[in-house]
Amino acid sequence: RPSAAFTDRTILERQNDRRAEQLASSVAHLRSLTIEIGNEVREQNALLDDVGGGFAKAQEMLGRTMGRIGDMLKSGGGRHMMVLVGFLVGVVWFLYWMIRKGR
């Protein structure tokens, strides 16, 4: 009965070969996914760095603007401030009116 043992061994080797191929395919797929995740993480980190830099610039600009407004108020620019506030209130009211009119 050596032929039956040979056939069983051949069948088992073929099954092992198929499983090894499936495993290799799964490993290759996982490797590909890992590389894609790494690339996405790098892109997201770069985006976050850009956003953080943008916020820092905006904060710096706002600080300078507030300093200028403070200087203007100290130098007696109250009338200018009232005109500016009135203008802003007018713009907000106009936008509100346009939105309500559009409904």
PDB file of N, CA and C in Angstrom:
ATOM      1  N   ARG A   1       0.776  -1.192   0.000  1.00  0.00           N
ATOM      2  CA  ARG A   1       0.000   0.000   0.000  1.00  0.00           C
ATOM      3  C   ARG A   1       0.833   1.280   0.000  1.00  0.00           C
ATOM      4  N   PRO A   2       1.968   1.263  -0.565  1.00  0.00           N
ATOM      5  CA  PRO A   2       2.777   2.467  -0.640  1.00  0.00           C
ATOM      6  C   PRO A   2       2.153   3.520  -1.537  1.00  0.00           C
ATOM      7  N   SER A   3       1.354   3.093  -2.482  1.00  0.00           N
ATOM      8  CA  SER A   3       0.725   4.050  -3.388  1.00  0.00           C
ATOM      9  C   SER A   3      -0.284   4.925  -2.658  1.00  0.00           C
ATOM     10  N   ALA A   4      -1.049   4.386  -1.729  1.00  0.00           N
ATOM     11  CA  ALA A   4      -2.035   5.152  -0.959  1.00  0.00           C
ATOM     12  C   ALA A   4      -1.331   6.155  -0.050  1.00  0.00           C
ATOM     13  N   ALA A   5      -0.237   5.747   0.573  1.00  0.00           N
ATOM     14  CA  ALA A   5       0.520   6.652   1.444  1.00  0.00           C
ATOM     15  C   ALA A   5       1.118   7.798   0.625  1.00  0.00           C
ATOM     16  N   PHE A   6       1.604   7.449  -0.561  1.00  0.00           N
ATOM     17  CA  PHE A   6       2.153   8.475  -1.448  1.00  0.00           C
ATOM     18  C   PHE A   6       1.074   9.461  -1.852  1.00  0.00           C
ATOM     19  N   THR A   7      -0.126   8.958  -2.170  1.00  0.00           N
ATOM     20  CA  THR A   7      -1.234   9.813  -2.567  1.00  0.00           C
ATOM     21  C   THR A   7      -1.666  10.721  -1.418  1.00  0.00           C
ATOM     22  N   ASP A   8      -1.748  10.163  -0.214  1.00  0.00           N
ATOM     23  CA  ASP A   8      -2.105  10.976   0.953  1.00  0.00           C
ATOM     24  C   ASP A   8      -1.071  12.078   1.188  1.00  0.00           C
ATOM     25  N   ARG A   9       0.194  11.706   1.072  1.00  0.00           N
ATOM     26  CA  ARG A   9       1.264  12.687   1.275  1.00  0.00           C
ATOM     27  C   ARG A   9       1.199  13.777   0.202  1.00  0.00           C
ATOM     28  N   THR A  10       0.937  13.394  -1.029  1.00  0.00           N
ATOM     29  CA  THR A  10       0.829  14.347  -2.123  1.00  0.00           C
ATOM     30  C   THR A  10      -0.325  15.311  -1.893  1.00  0.00           C
ATOM     31  N   ILE A  11      -1.463  14.746  -1.444  1.00  0.00           N
ATOM     32  CA  ILE A  11      -2.630  15.593  -1.156  1.00  0.00           C
ATOM     33  C   ILE A  11      -2.307  16.588  -0.043  1.00  0.00           C
ATOM     34  N   LEU A  12      -1.675  16.097   1.014  1.00  0.00           N
ATOM     35  CA  LEU A  12      -1.314  16.982   2.129  1.00  0.00           C
ATOM     36  C   LEU A  12      -0.321  18.061   1.695  1.00  0.00           C
ATOM     37  N   GLU A  13       0.637  17.696   0.865  1.00  0.00           N
ATOM     38  CA  GLU A  13       1.600  18.693   0.382  1.00  0.00           C
ATOM     39  C   GLU A  13       0.922  19.761  -0.470  1.00  0.00           C
ATOM     40  N   ARG A  14      -0.021  19.325  -1.309  1.00  0.00           N
ATOM     41  CA  ARG A  14      -0.755  20.302  -2.132  1.00  0.00           C
ATOM     42  C   ARG A  14      -1.587  21.239  -1.256  1.00  0.00           C
ATOM     43  N   GLN A  15      -2.239  20.670  -0.234  1.00  0.00           N
ATOM     44  CA  GLN A  15      -3.017  21.510   0.690  1.00  0.00           C
ATOM     45  C   GLN A  15      -2.097  22.503   1.406  1.00  0.00           C
ATOM     46  N   ASN A  16      -0.945  22.014   1.837  1.00  0.00           N
ATOM     47  CA  ASN A  16       0.012  22.906   2.505  1.00  0.00           C
ATOM     48  C   ASN A  16       0.500  23.998   1.552  1.00  0.00           C
ATOM     49  N   ASP A  17       0.745  23.628   0.310  1.00  0.00           N
ATOM     50  CA  ASP A  17       1.181  24.623  -0.676  1.00  0.00           C
ATOM     51  C   ASP A  17       0.111  25.691  -0.889  1.00  0.00           C
ATOM     52  N   ARG A  18      -1.159  25.254  -1.003  1.00  0.00           N
ATOM     53  CA  ARG A  18      -2.257  26.224  -1.189  1.00  0.00           C
ATOM     54  C   ARG A  18      -2.384  27.140   0.029  1.00  0.00           C
ATOM     55  N   ARG A  19      -2.275  26.552   1.204  1.00  0.00           N
ATOM     56  CA  ARG A  19      -2.371  27.370   2.419  1.00  0.00           C
ATOM     57  C   ARG A  19      -1.193  28.335   2.529  1.00  0.00           C
ATOM     58  N   ALA A  20      -0.026  27.881   2.131  1.00  0.00           N
ATOM     59  CA  ALA A  20       1.146  28.761   2.153  1.00  0.00           C
ATOM     60  C   ALA A  20       0.971  29.910   1.168  1.00  0.00           C
ATOM     61  N   GLU A  21       0.391  29.622   0.001  1.00  0.00           N
ATOM     62  CA  GLU A  21       0.121  30.685  -0.977  1.00  0.00           C
ATOM     63  C   GLU A  21      -0.914  31.667  -0.438  1.00  0.00           C
ATOM     64  N   GLN A  22      -1.955  31.145   0.212  1.00  0.00           N
ATOM     65  CA  GLN A  22      -2.974  32.019   0.805  1.00  0.00           C
ATOM     66  C   GLN A  22      -2.358  32.893   1.892  1.00  0.00           C
ATOM     67  N   LEU A  23      -1.516  32.281   2.711  1.00  0.00           N
ATOM     68  CA  LEU A  23      -0.854  33.035   3.771  1.00  0.00           C
ATOM     69  C   LEU A  23       0.053  34.115   3.186  1.00  0.00           C
ATOM     70  N   ALA A  24       0.800  33.780   2.145  1.00  0.00           N
ATOM     71  CA  ALA A  24       1.678  34.766   1.499  1.00  0.00           C
ATOM     72  C   ALA A  24       0.860  35.905   0.907  1.00  0.00           C
ATOM     73  N   SER A  25      -0.290  35.561   0.326  1.00  0.00           N
ATOM     74  CA  SER A  25      -1.163  36.590  -0.231  1.00  0.00           C
ATOM     75  C   SER A  25      -1.698  37.502   0.874  1.00  0.00           C
ATOM     76  N   SER A  26      -2.105  36.904   1.993  1.00  0.00           N
ATOM     77  CA  SER A  26      -2.609  37.702   3.120  1.00  0.00           C
ATOM     78  C   SER A  26      -1.522  38.609   3.682  1.00  0.00           C
ATOM     79  N   VAL A  27      -0.316  38.101   3.796  1.00  0.00           N
ATOM     80  CA  VAL A  27       0.803  38.903   4.311  1.00  0.00           C
ATOM     81  C   VAL A  27       1.088  40.071   3.360  1.00  0.00           C
ATOM     82  N   ALA A  28       1.067  39.802   2.066  1.00  0.00           N
ATOM     83  CA  ALA A  28       1.311  40.872   1.090  1.00  0.00           C
ATOM     84  C   ALA A  28       0.222  41.935   1.172  1.00  0.00           C
ATOM     85  N   HIS A  29      -1.024  41.497   1.345  1.00  0.00           N
ATOM     86  CA  HIS A  29      -2.134  42.452   1.462  1.00  0.00           C
ATOM     87  C   HIS A  29      -1.983  43.283   2.731  1.00  0.00           C
ATOM     88  N   LEU A  30      -1.660  42.638   3.849  1.00  0.00           N
ATOM     89  CA  LEU A  30      -1.459  43.382   5.101  1.00  0.00           C
ATOM     90  C   LEU A  30      -0.293  44.354   4.995  1.00  0.00           C
ATOM     91  N   ARG A  31       0.759  43.956   4.315  1.00  0.00           N
ATOM     92  CA  ARG A  31       1.903  44.850   4.119  1.00  0.00           C
ATOM     93  C   ARG A  31       1.482  46.079   3.320  1.00  0.00           C
ATOM     94  N   SER A  32       0.701  45.852   2.273  1.00  0.00           N
ATOM     95  CA  SER A  32       0.212  46.955   1.456  1.00  0.00           C
ATOM     96  C   SER A  32      -0.658  47.900   2.281  1.00  0.00           C
ATOM     97  N   LEU A  33      -1.550  47.325   3.092  1.00  0.00           N
ATOM     98  CA  LEU A  33      -2.400  48.161   3.945  1.00  0.00           C
ATOM     99  C   LEU A  33      -1.569  48.961   4.944  1.00  0.00           C
ATOM    100  N   THR A  34      -0.560  48.329   5.506  1.00  0.00           N
ATOM    101  CA  THR A  34       0.302  49.013   6.473  1.00  0.00           C
ATOM    102  C   THR A  34       1.019  50.192   5.825  1.00  0.00           C
ATOM    103  N   ILE A  35       1.492  50.009   4.618  1.00  0.00           N
ATOM    104  CA  ILE A  35       2.168  51.093   3.894  1.00  0.00           C
ATOM    105  C   ILE A  35       1.185  52.229   3.617  1.00  0.00           C
ATOM    106  N   GLU A  36      -0.034  51.883   3.193  1.00  0.00           N
ATOM    107  CA  GLU A  36      -1.044  52.911   2.930  1.00  0.00           C
ATOM    108  C   GLU A  36      -1.391  53.681   4.199  1.00  0.00           C
ATOM    109  N   ILE A  37      -1.520  52.967   5.318  1.00  0.00           N
ATOM    110  CA  ILE A  37      -1.828  53.632   6.590  1.00  0.00           C
ATOM    111  C   ILE A  37      -0.686  54.568   6.971  1.00  0.00           C
ATOM    112  N   GLY A  38       0.551  54.112   6.803  1.00  0.00           N
ATOM    113  CA  GLY A  38       1.703  54.963   7.111  1.00  0.00           C
ATOM    114  C   GLY A  38       1.716  56.224   6.259  1.00  0.00           C
ATOM    115  N   ASN A  39       1.410  56.082   4.968  1.00  0.00           N
ATOM    116  CA  ASN A  39       1.360  57.259   4.088  1.00  0.00           C
ATOM    117  C   ASN A  39       0.255  58.212   4.521  1.00  0.00           C
ATOM    118  N   GLU A  40      -0.905  57.661   4.866  1.00  0.00           N
ATOM    119  CA  GLU A  40      -2.024  58.508   5.303  1.00  0.00           C
ATOM    120  C   GLU A  40      -1.675  59.254   6.594  1.00  0.00           C
ATOM    121  N   VAL A  41      -1.015  58.571   7.519  1.00  0.00           N
ATOM    122  CA  VAL A  41      -0.618  59.212   8.776  1.00  0.00           C
ATOM    123  C   VAL A  41       0.360  60.348   8.501  1.00  0.00           C
ATOM    124  N   ARG A  42       1.307  60.130   7.611  1.00  0.00           N
ATOM    125  CA  ARG A  42       2.258  61.206   7.276  1.00  0.00           C
ATOM    126  C   ARG A  42       1.540  62.405   6.652  1.00  0.00           C
ATOM    127  N   GLU A  43       0.590  62.133   5.750  1.00  0.00           N
ATOM    128  CA  GLU A  43      -0.163  63.230   5.130  1.00  0.00           C
ATOM    129  C   GLU A  43      -0.980  63.990   6.162  1.00  0.00           C
ATOM    130  N   GLN A  44      -1.637  63.256   7.078  1.00  0.00           N
ATOM    131  CA  GLN A  44      -2.445  63.905   8.109  1.00  0.00           C
ATOM    132  C   GLN A  44      -1.566  64.739   9.042  1.00  0.00           C
ATOM    133  N   ASN A  45      -0.380  64.229   9.388  1.00  0.00           N
ATOM    134  CA  ASN A  45       0.531  64.999  10.237  1.00  0.00           C
ATOM    135  C   ASN A  45       0.979  66.282   9.554  1.00  0.00           C
ATOM    136  N   ALA A  46       1.258  66.195   8.263  1.00  0.00           N
ATOM    137  CA  ALA A  46       1.645  67.401   7.518  1.00  0.00           C
ATOM    138  C   ALA A  46       0.503  68.408   7.495  1.00  0.00           C
ATOM    139  N   LEU A  47      -0.715  67.914   7.299  1.00  0.00           N
ATOM    140  CA  LEU A  47      -1.880  68.797   7.298  1.00  0.00           C
ATOM    141  C   LEU A  47      -2.066  69.454   8.658  1.00  0.00           C
ATOM    142  N   LEU A  48      -1.932  68.677   9.722  1.00  0.00           N
ATOM    143  CA  LEU A  48      -2.063  69.244  11.066  1.00  0.00           C
ATOM    144  C   LEU A  48      -0.981  70.281  11.343  1.00  0.00           C
ATOM    145  N   ASP A  49       0.225  70.022  10.872  1.00  0.00           N
ATOM    146  CA  ASP A  49       1.294  71.009  11.041  1.00  0.00           C
ATOM    147  C   ASP A  49       0.951  72.309  10.317  1.00  0.00           C
ATOM    148  N   ASP A  50       0.408  72.194   9.096  1.00  0.00           N
ATOM    149  CA  ASP A  50       0.014  73.384   8.341  1.00  0.00           C
ATOM    150  C   ASP A  50      -1.093  74.148   9.063  1.00  0.00           C
ATOM    151  N   VAL A  51      -2.081  73.424   9.571  1.00  0.00           N
ATOM    152  CA  VAL A  51      -3.190  74.068  10.284  1.00  0.00           C
ATOM    153  C   VAL A  51      -2.667  74.757  11.541  1.00  0.00           C
ATOM    154  N   GLY A  52      -1.789  74.070  12.269  1.00  0.00           N
ATOM    155  CA  GLY A  52      -1.210  74.669  13.474  1.00  0.00           C
ATOM    156  C   GLY A  52      -0.448  75.939  13.151  1.00  0.00           C
ATOM    157  N   GLY A  53       0.300  75.918  12.057  1.00  0.00           N
ATOM    158  CA  GLY A  53       1.031  77.116  11.637  1.00  0.00           C
ATOM    159  C   GLY A  53       0.082  78.236  11.255  1.00  0.00           C
ATOM    160  N   GLY A  54      -1.021  77.870  10.598  1.00  0.00           N
ATOM    161  CA  GLY A  54      -2.021  78.874  10.226  1.00  0.00           C
ATOM    162  C   GLY A  54      -2.650  79.521  11.446  1.00  0.00           C
ATOM    163  N   PHE A  55      -2.945  78.698  12.456  1.00  0.00           N
ATOM    164  CA  PHE A  55      -3.517  79.247  13.684  1.00  0.00           C
ATOM    165  C   PHE A  55      -2.522  80.153  14.399  1.00  0.00           C
ATOM    166  N   ALA A  56      -1.270  79.774  14.398  1.00  0.00           N
ATOM    167  CA  ALA A  56      -0.257  80.607  15.042  1.00  0.00           C
ATOM    168  C   ALA A  56      -0.150  81.960  14.345  1.00  0.00           C
ATOM    169  N   LYS A  57      -0.192  81.950  13.007  1.00  0.00           N
ATOM    170  CA  LYS A  57      -0.133  83.215  12.258  1.00  0.00           C
ATOM    171  C   LYS A  57      -1.362  84.066  12.538  1.00  0.00           C
ATOM    172  N   ALA A  58      -2.534  83.425  12.579  1.00  0.00           N
ATOM    173  CA  ALA A  58      -3.763  84.173  12.854  1.00  0.00           C
ATOM    174  C   ALA A  58      -3.733  84.756  14.259  1.00  0.00           C
ATOM    175  N   GLN A  59      -3.233  83.978  15.208  1.00  0.00           N
ATOM    176  CA  GLN A  59      -3.143  84.474  16.578  1.00  0.00           C
ATOM    177  C   GLN A  59      -2.190  85.667  16.660  1.00  0.00           C
ATOM    178  N   GLU A  60      -1.077  85.580  15.967  1.00  0.00           N
ATOM    179  CA  GLU A  60      -0.117  86.684  15.961  1.00  0.00           C
ATOM    180  C   GLU A  60      -0.735  87.934  15.336  1.00  0.00           C
ATOM    181  N   MET A  61      -1.436  87.754  14.213  1.00  0.00           N
ATOM    182  CA  MET A  61      -2.056  88.885  13.540  1.00  0.00           C
ATOM    183  C   MET A  61      -3.147  89.507  14.415  1.00  0.00           C
ATOM    184  N   LEU A  62      -3.932  88.662  15.077  1.00  0.00           N
ATOM    185  CA  LEU A  62      -4.976  89.176  15.963  1.00  0.00           C
ATOM    186  C   LEU A  62      -4.365  89.945  17.125  1.00  0.00           C
ATOM    187  N   GLY A  63      -3.259  89.460  17.652  1.00  0.00           N
ATOM    188  CA  GLY A  63      -2.575  90.160  18.740  1.00  0.00           C
ATOM    189  C   GLY A  63      -2.083  91.532  18.306  1.00  0.00           C
ATOM    190  N   ARG A  64      -1.517  91.588  17.096  1.00  0.00           N
ATOM    191  CA  ARG A  64      -1.069  92.895  16.588  1.00  0.00           C
ATOM    192  C   ARG A  64      -2.247  93.836  16.385  1.00  0.00           C
ATOM    193  N   THR A  65      -3.336  93.300  15.845  1.00  0.00           N
ATOM    194  CA  THR A  65      -4.519  94.132  15.616  1.00  0.00           C
ATOM    195  C   THR A  65      -5.071  94.663  16.925  1.00  0.00           C
ATOM    196  N   MET A  66      -5.161  93.788  17.926  1.00  0.00           N
ATOM    197  CA  MET A  66      -5.671  94.237  19.227  1.00  0.00           C
ATOM    198  C   MET A  66      -4.752  95.296  19.836  1.00  0.00           C
ATOM    199  N   GLY A  67      -3.440  95.135  19.630  1.00  0.00           N
ATOM    200  CA  GLY A  67      -2.500  96.147  20.111  1.00  0.00           C
ATOM    201  C   GLY A  67      -2.722  97.487  19.430  1.00  0.00           C
ATOM    202  N   ARG A  68      -2.969  97.460  18.133  1.00  0.00           N
ATOM    203  CA  ARG A  68      -3.220  98.700  17.395  1.00  0.00           C
ATOM    204  C   ARG A  68      -4.523  99.354  17.853  1.00  0.00           C
ATOM    205  N   ILE A  69      -5.541  98.539  18.090  1.00  0.00           N
ATOM    206  CA  ILE A  69      -6.814  99.092  18.570  1.00  0.00           C
ATOM    207  C   ILE A  69      -6.610  99.725  19.943  1.00  0.00           C
ATOM    208  N   GLY A  70      -5.842  99.035  20.795  1.00  0.00           N
ATOM    209  CA  GLY A  70      -5.544  99.607  22.117  1.00  0.00           C
ATOM    210  C   GLY A  70      -4.806 100.922  22.000  1.00  0.00           C
ATOM    211  N   ASP A  71      -3.817 100.999  21.102  1.00  0.00           N
ATOM    212  CA  ASP A  71      -3.076 102.244  20.893  1.00  0.00           C
ATOM    213  C   ASP A  71      -3.999 103.345  20.392  1.00  0.00           C
ATOM    214  N   MET A  72      -4.920 102.989  19.487  1.00  0.00           N
ATOM    215  CA  MET A  72      -5.833 103.979  18.936  1.00  0.00           C
ATOM    216  C   MET A  72      -6.762 104.511  20.030  1.00  0.00           C
ATOM    217  N   LEU A  73      -7.239 103.624  20.889  1.00  0.00           N
ATOM    218  CA  LEU A  73      -8.130 104.080  21.966  1.00  0.00           C
ATOM    219  C   LEU A  73      -7.397 104.970  22.953  1.00  0.00           C
ATOM    220  N   LYS A  74      -6.141 104.643  23.230  1.00  0.00           N
ATOM    221  CA  LYS A  74      -5.350 105.466  24.154  1.00  0.00           C
ATOM    222  C   LYS A  74      -5.074 106.850  23.581  1.00  0.00           C
ATOM    223  N   SER A  75      -4.984 106.925  22.257  1.00  0.00           N
ATOM    224  CA  SER A  75      -4.644 108.206  21.644  1.00  0.00           C
ATOM    225  C   SER A  75      -5.884 109.038  21.331  1.00  0.00           C
ATOM    226  N   GLY A  76      -7.028 108.654  21.862  1.00  0.00           N
ATOM    227  CA  GLY A  76      -8.237 109.460  21.671  1.00  0.00           C
ATOM    228  C   GLY A  76      -8.986 109.104  20.402  1.00  0.00           C
ATOM    229  N   GLY A  77      -8.873 107.915  19.947  1.00  0.00           N
ATOM    230  CA  GLY A  77      -9.562 107.501  18.729  1.00  0.00           C
ATOM    231  C   GLY A  77     -10.922 106.893  19.011  1.00  0.00           C
ATOM    232  N   GLY A  78     -11.589 107.343  20.059  1.00  0.00           N
ATOM    233  CA  GLY A  78     -12.895 106.805  20.431  1.00  0.00           C
ATOM    234  C   GLY A  78     -13.933 107.030  19.345  1.00  0.00           C
ATOM    235  N   ARG A  79     -13.861 108.183  18.687  1.00  0.00           N
ATOM    236  CA  ARG A  79     -14.826 108.483  17.625  1.00  0.00           C
ATOM    237  C   ARG A  79     -14.669 107.492  16.482  1.00  0.00           C
ATOM    238  N   HIS A  80     -13.432 107.186  16.123  1.00  0.00           N
ATOM    239  CA  HIS A  80     -13.177 106.208  15.057  1.00  0.00           C
ATOM    240  C   HIS A  80     -13.724 104.834  15.432  1.00  0.00           C
ATOM    241  N   MET A  81     -13.583 104.491  16.711  1.00  0.00           N
ATOM    242  CA  MET A  81     -14.069 103.197  17.165  1.00  0.00           C
ATOM    243  C   MET A  81     -15.589 103.145  17.072  1.00  0.00           C
ATOM    244  N   MET A  82     -16.252 104.216  17.413  1.00  0.00           N
ATOM    245  CA  MET A  82     -17.721 104.246  17.331  1.00  0.00           C
ATOM    246  C   MET A  82     -18.177 104.109  15.878  1.00  0.00           C
ATOM    247  N   VAL A  83     -17.469 104.749  14.967  1.00  0.00           N
ATOM    248  CA  VAL A  83     -17.807 104.623  13.544  1.00  0.00           C
ATOM    249  C   VAL A  83     -17.613 103.176  13.088  1.00  0.00           C
ATOM    250  N   LEU A  84     -16.530 102.567  13.505  1.00  0.00           N
ATOM    251  CA  LEU A  84     -16.254 101.187  13.137  1.00  0.00           C
ATOM    252  C   LEU A  84     -17.324 100.248  13.693  1.00  0.00           C
ATOM    253  N   VAL A  85     -17.683 100.419  14.950  1.00  0.00           N
ATOM    254  CA  VAL A  85     -18.726  99.582  15.564  1.00  0.00           C
ATOM    255  C   VAL A  85     -20.047  99.792  14.843  1.00  0.00           C
ATOM    256  N   GLY A  86     -20.392 101.033  14.541  1.00  0.00           N
ATOM    257  CA  GLY A  86     -21.630 101.309  13.811  1.00  0.00           C
ATOM    258  C   GLY A  86     -21.633 100.651  12.445  1.00  0.00           C
ATOM    259  N   PHE A  87     -20.514 100.712  11.761  1.00  0.00           N
ATOM    260  CA  PHE A  87     -20.409 100.077  10.443  1.00  0.00           C
ATOM    261  C   PHE A  87     -20.610  98.564  10.555  1.00  0.00           C
ATOM    262  N   LEU A  88     -19.958  97.947  11.528  1.00  0.00           N
ATOM    263  CA  LEU A  88     -20.093  96.495  11.705  1.00  0.00           C
ATOM    264  C   LEU A  88     -21.529  96.103  12.045  1.00  0.00           C
ATOM    265  N   VAL A  89     -22.173  96.871  12.901  1.00  0.00           N
ATOM    266  CA  VAL A  89     -23.576  96.590  13.231  1.00  0.00           C
ATOM    267  C   VAL A  89     -24.435  96.720  11.973  1.00  0.00           C
ATOM    268  N   GLY A  90     -24.165  97.713  11.155  1.00  0.00           N
ATOM    269  CA  GLY A  90     -24.914  97.888   9.909  1.00  0.00           C
ATOM    270  C   GLY A  90     -24.709  96.713   8.958  1.00  0.00           C
ATOM    271  N   VAL A  91     -23.491  96.239   8.840  1.00  0.00           N
ATOM    272  CA  VAL A  91     -23.208  95.099   7.960  1.00  0.00           C
ATOM    273  C   VAL A  91     -23.935  93.857   8.462  1.00  0.00           C
ATOM    274  N   VAL A  92     -23.870  93.596   9.755  1.00  0.00           N
ATOM    275  CA  VAL A  92     -24.551  92.418  10.319  1.00  0.00           C
ATOM    276  C   VAL A  92     -26.053  92.534  10.101  1.00  0.00           C
ATOM    277  N   TRP A  93     -26.623  93.724  10.341  1.00  0.00           N
ATOM    278  CA  TRP A  93     -28.059  93.904  10.140  1.00  0.00           C
ATOM    279  C   TRP A  93     -28.418  93.684   8.669  1.00  0.00           C
ATOM    280  N   PHE A  94     -27.615  94.214   7.746  1.00  0.00           N
ATOM    281  CA  PHE A  94     -27.876  94.045   6.320  1.00  0.00           C
ATOM    282  C   PHE A  94     -27.839  92.573   5.923  1.00  0.00           C
ATOM    283  N   LEU A  95     -26.840  91.833   6.391  1.00  0.00           N
ATOM    284  CA  LEU A  95     -26.755  90.406   6.081  1.00  0.00           C
ATOM    285  C   LEU A  95     -27.961  89.653   6.636  1.00  0.00           C
ATOM    286  N   TYR A  96     -28.368  89.994   7.858  1.00  0.00           N
ATOM    287  CA  TYR A  96     -29.538  89.359   8.461  1.00  0.00           C
ATOM    288  C   TYR A  96     -30.775  89.646   7.616  1.00  0.00           C
ATOM    289  N   TRP A  97     -30.916  90.889   7.184  1.00  0.00           N
ATOM    290  CA  TRP A  97     -32.077  91.277   6.373  1.00  0.00           C
ATOM    291  C   TRP A  97     -32.084  90.530   5.049  1.00  0.00           C
ATOM    292  N   MET A  98     -30.899  90.388   4.417  1.00  0.00           N
ATOM    293  CA  MET A  98     -30.809  89.684   3.142  1.00  0.00           C
ATOM    294  C   MET A  98     -31.155  88.197   3.294  1.00  0.00           C
ATOM    295  N   ILE A  99     -30.714  87.610   4.377  1.00  0.00           N
ATOM    296  CA  ILE A  99     -31.019  86.199   4.617  1.00  0.00           C
ATOM    297  C   ILE A  99     -32.527  86.021   4.834  1.00  0.00           C
ATOM    298  N   ARG A 100     -33.107  86.889   5.644  1.00  0.00           N
ATOM    299  CA  ARG A 100     -34.557  86.795   5.917  1.00  0.00           C
ATOM    300  C   ARG A 100     -35.370  87.057   4.668  1.00  0.00           C
ATOM    301  N   LYS A 101     -34.918  87.979   3.831  1.00  0.00           N
ATOM    302  CA  LYS A 101     -35.634  88.323   2.605  1.00  0.00           C
ATOM    303  C   LYS A 101     -35.576  87.144   1.613  1.00  0.00           C
ATOM    304  N   GLY A 102     -34.469  86.381   1.630  1.00  0.00           N
ATOM    305  CA  GLY A 102     -34.301  85.265   0.709  1.00  0.00           C
ATOM    306  C   GLY A 102     -35.202  84.067   1.007  1.00  0.00           C
ATOM    307  N   ARG A 103     -35.778  84.015   2.177  1.00  0.00           N
ATOM    308  CA  ARG A 103     -36.621  82.853   2.538  1.00  0.00           C
ATOM    309  C   ARG A 103     -37.928  82.889   1.844  1.00  0.00           C
TER     310      ARG A 103
END
